[in-house]
Amino acid sequence: MMQEMNRFVQAHDRYLALDDARGQCTTPAQREFMHIKILEAYLEVQYRARHIAALQYADGNDYADQN
C-alpha cells in the first residue's frame, strides 16, 4: 500500500510541476505539447487514486466504495 501511495504522490508532484511550467510556454506548439502532458499526468493521478481506493476496498474498508 505504501508503494502505491508513493506512486500517487510522485504522479501528483509531476502534475503540479507541469502545471507550473505551462506558463513558460511561448509558442502554440509548446502550449499544445504541455497541454497533452498535463492531461496524461492528470489521468495518471486519477488512475493511482482509484488503485488506492480499490486496495482499501479489498482490505475491507467500506468507506472506500467506488462510485
N, C-alpha and C. Protein backbone atom coordinates (compact mmCIF):
# COMPACT_ATOMS: atom_id res chain seq x y z
N MET A 1 0.82 -1.19 0.00
CA MET A 1 0.00 0.00 0.00
C MET A 1 0.88 1.26 0.00
N MET A 2 1.96 1.26 0.77
CA MET A 2 2.83 2.44 0.81
C MET A 2 3.45 2.71 -0.57
N GLN A 3 3.75 1.64 -1.29
CA GLN A 3 4.32 1.82 -2.62
C GLN A 3 3.32 2.53 -3.53
N GLU A 4 2.05 2.17 -3.44
CA GLU A 4 1.03 2.84 -4.24
C GLU A 4 0.85 4.29 -3.82
N MET A 5 0.92 4.53 -2.52
CA MET A 5 0.82 5.91 -2.03
C MET A 5 1.98 6.76 -2.57
N ASN A 6 3.18 6.19 -2.56
CA ASN A 6 4.34 6.91 -3.07
C ASN A 6 4.20 7.19 -4.56
N ARG A 7 3.67 6.22 -5.32
CA ARG A 7 3.45 6.42 -6.75
C ARG A 7 2.43 7.53 -6.98
N PHE A 8 1.39 7.56 -6.14
CA PHE A 8 0.39 8.62 -6.26
C PHE A 8 1.02 9.98 -6.01
N VAL A 9 1.81 10.09 -4.96
CA VAL A 9 2.45 11.37 -4.62
C VAL A 9 3.38 11.80 -5.74
N GLN A 10 4.14 10.87 -6.30
CA GLN A 10 5.04 11.20 -7.40
C GLN A 10 4.27 11.69 -8.62
N ALA A 11 3.17 11.01 -8.94
CA ALA A 11 2.35 11.41 -10.08
C ALA A 11 1.74 12.78 -9.84
N HIS A 12 1.30 13.04 -8.63
CA HIS A 12 0.71 14.34 -8.31
C HIS A 12 1.75 15.45 -8.38
N ASP A 13 2.94 15.18 -7.88
CA ASP A 13 4.02 16.16 -7.96
C ASP A 13 4.38 16.47 -9.41
N ARG A 14 4.40 15.42 -10.25
CA ARG A 14 4.68 15.60 -11.67
C ARG A 14 3.61 16.49 -12.32
N TYR A 15 2.35 16.23 -11.96
CA TYR A 15 1.25 17.03 -12.48
C TYR A 15 1.41 18.50 -12.08
N LEU A 16 1.71 18.75 -10.82
CA LEU A 16 1.88 20.13 -10.35
C LEU A 16 3.05 20.82 -11.03
N ALA A 17 4.15 20.09 -11.24
CA ALA A 17 5.32 20.67 -11.90
C ALA A 17 4.99 21.05 -13.35
N LEU A 18 4.26 20.19 -14.04
CA LEU A 18 3.88 20.50 -15.41
C LEU A 18 2.93 21.69 -15.46
N ASP A 19 2.02 21.76 -14.51
CA ASP A 19 1.09 22.87 -14.45
C ASP A 19 1.82 24.19 -14.21
N ASP A 20 2.83 24.16 -13.37
CA ASP A 20 3.64 25.36 -13.13
C ASP A 20 4.44 25.76 -14.36
N ALA A 21 4.97 24.76 -15.07
CA ALA A 21 5.80 25.03 -16.24
C ALA A 21 4.97 25.51 -17.43
N ARG A 22 3.67 25.29 -17.39
CA ARG A 22 2.80 25.66 -18.51
C ARG A 22 2.89 27.16 -18.82
N GLY A 23 3.07 27.96 -17.81
CA GLY A 23 3.13 29.41 -18.00
C GLY A 23 4.36 29.88 -18.76
N GLN A 24 5.34 29.04 -18.91
CA GLN A 24 6.58 29.42 -19.59
C GLN A 24 6.56 29.12 -21.08
N CYS A 25 5.49 28.54 -21.57
CA CYS A 25 5.40 28.22 -22.99
C CYS A 25 5.19 29.49 -23.80
N THR A 26 5.91 29.59 -24.92
CA THR A 26 5.83 30.80 -25.72
C THR A 26 5.17 30.58 -27.08
N THR A 27 5.19 29.37 -27.58
CA THR A 27 4.62 29.10 -28.90
C THR A 27 3.39 28.20 -28.76
N PRO A 28 2.51 28.24 -29.74
CA PRO A 28 1.34 27.36 -29.70
C PRO A 28 1.71 25.88 -29.66
N ALA A 29 2.76 25.51 -30.34
CA ALA A 29 3.19 24.11 -30.33
C ALA A 29 3.64 23.68 -28.93
N GLN A 30 4.35 24.56 -28.24
CA GLN A 30 4.78 24.25 -26.87
C GLN A 30 3.57 24.14 -25.95
N ARG A 31 2.60 25.04 -26.11
CA ARG A 31 1.40 25.00 -25.27
C ARG A 31 0.60 23.73 -25.51
N GLU A 32 0.51 23.33 -26.78
CA GLU A 32 -0.22 22.10 -27.09
C GLU A 32 0.49 20.88 -26.50
N PHE A 33 1.81 20.84 -26.63
CA PHE A 33 2.59 19.74 -26.07
C PHE A 33 2.40 19.67 -24.55
N MET A 34 2.48 20.82 -23.89
CA MET A 34 2.31 20.85 -22.44
C MET A 34 0.90 20.45 -22.03
N HIS A 35 -0.08 20.87 -22.81
CA HIS A 35 -1.45 20.50 -22.51
C HIS A 35 -1.63 18.99 -22.55
N ILE A 36 -1.05 18.36 -23.55
CA ILE A 36 -1.12 16.89 -23.66
C ILE A 36 -0.42 16.24 -22.48
N LYS A 37 0.75 16.72 -22.11
CA LYS A 37 1.49 16.14 -20.99
C LYS A 37 0.73 16.34 -19.67
N ILE A 38 0.09 17.49 -19.50
CA ILE A 38 -0.69 17.74 -18.29
C ILE A 38 -1.88 16.78 -18.22
N LEU A 39 -2.54 16.56 -19.36
CA LEU A 39 -3.66 15.61 -19.38
C LEU A 39 -3.20 14.19 -19.06
N GLU A 40 -2.06 13.81 -19.60
CA GLU A 40 -1.52 12.48 -19.28
C GLU A 40 -1.22 12.36 -17.79
N ALA A 41 -0.63 13.39 -17.22
CA ALA A 41 -0.31 13.38 -15.79
C ALA A 41 -1.58 13.33 -14.96
N TYR A 42 -2.60 14.08 -15.38
CA TYR A 42 -3.88 14.08 -14.67
C TYR A 42 -4.49 12.68 -14.67
N LEU A 43 -4.46 12.02 -15.82
CA LEU A 43 -5.01 10.67 -15.91
C LEU A 43 -4.23 9.70 -15.04
N GLU A 44 -2.92 9.87 -14.96
CA GLU A 44 -2.13 9.01 -14.09
C GLU A 44 -2.50 9.22 -12.62
N VAL A 45 -2.71 10.47 -12.22
CA VAL A 45 -3.11 10.76 -10.85
C VAL A 45 -4.45 10.09 -10.55
N GLN A 46 -5.39 10.19 -11.47
CA GLN A 46 -6.70 9.57 -11.27
C GLN A 46 -6.59 8.05 -11.19
N TYR A 47 -5.75 7.47 -12.04
CA TYR A 47 -5.54 6.02 -12.01
C TYR A 47 -4.97 5.58 -10.67
N ARG A 48 -3.97 6.31 -10.19
CA ARG A 48 -3.35 5.94 -8.91
C ARG A 48 -4.35 6.07 -7.76
N ALA A 49 -5.18 7.11 -7.79
CA ALA A 49 -6.18 7.30 -6.73
C ALA A 49 -7.19 6.17 -6.75
N ARG A 50 -7.63 5.77 -7.91
CA ARG A 50 -8.59 4.65 -8.00
C ARG A 50 -7.96 3.34 -7.56
N HIS A 51 -6.70 3.18 -7.87
CA HIS A 51 -6.00 1.96 -7.45
C HIS A 51 -5.92 1.90 -5.93
N ILE A 52 -5.62 3.01 -5.29
CA ILE A 52 -5.56 3.06 -3.83
C ILE A 52 -6.93 2.75 -3.25
N ALA A 53 -7.98 3.34 -3.83
CA ALA A 53 -9.33 3.08 -3.34
C ALA A 53 -9.69 1.61 -3.49
N ALA A 54 -9.28 0.99 -4.59
CA ALA A 54 -9.56 -0.43 -4.80
C ALA A 54 -8.83 -1.29 -3.76
N LEU A 55 -7.60 -0.93 -3.46
CA LEU A 55 -6.85 -1.67 -2.44
C LEU A 55 -7.50 -1.53 -1.07
N GLN A 56 -7.97 -0.33 -0.76
CA GLN A 56 -8.65 -0.12 0.52
C GLN A 56 -9.94 -0.93 0.58
N TYR A 57 -10.68 -0.95 -0.51
CA TYR A 57 -11.92 -1.70 -0.56
C TYR A 57 -11.64 -3.20 -0.40
N ALA A 58 -10.57 -3.67 -1.04
CA ALA A 58 -10.20 -5.08 -0.94
C ALA A 58 -9.80 -5.45 0.49
N ASP A 59 -9.28 -4.48 1.22
CA ASP A 59 -8.90 -4.71 2.62
C ASP A 59 -10.09 -4.68 3.56
N GLY A 60 -11.28 -4.40 3.02
CA GLY A 60 -12.47 -4.39 3.84
C GLY A 60 -12.90 -3.03 4.34
N ASN A 61 -12.32 -1.98 3.80
CA ASN A 61 -12.70 -0.63 4.20
C ASN A 61 -13.89 -0.19 3.36
N ASP A 62 -15.08 -0.23 3.93
CA ASP A 62 -16.29 0.08 3.19
C ASP A 62 -16.35 1.55 2.76
N TYR A 63 -15.69 2.42 3.50
CA TYR A 63 -15.73 3.84 3.15
C TYR A 63 -15.04 4.13 1.83
N ALA A 64 -14.30 3.17 1.31
CA ALA A 64 -13.57 3.36 0.06
C ALA A 64 -14.40 2.91 -1.13
N ASP A 65 -15.71 2.77 -0.96
CA ASP A 65 -16.59 2.37 -2.05
C ASP A 65 -16.38 3.28 -3.25
N GLN A 66 -16.20 2.68 -4.42
CA GLN A 66 -16.03 3.47 -5.62
C GLN A 66 -17.40 3.83 -6.18
N ASN A 67 -17.49 5.04 -6.71
CA ASN A 67 -18.77 5.48 -7.30
C ASN A 67 -18.95 4.90 -8.66
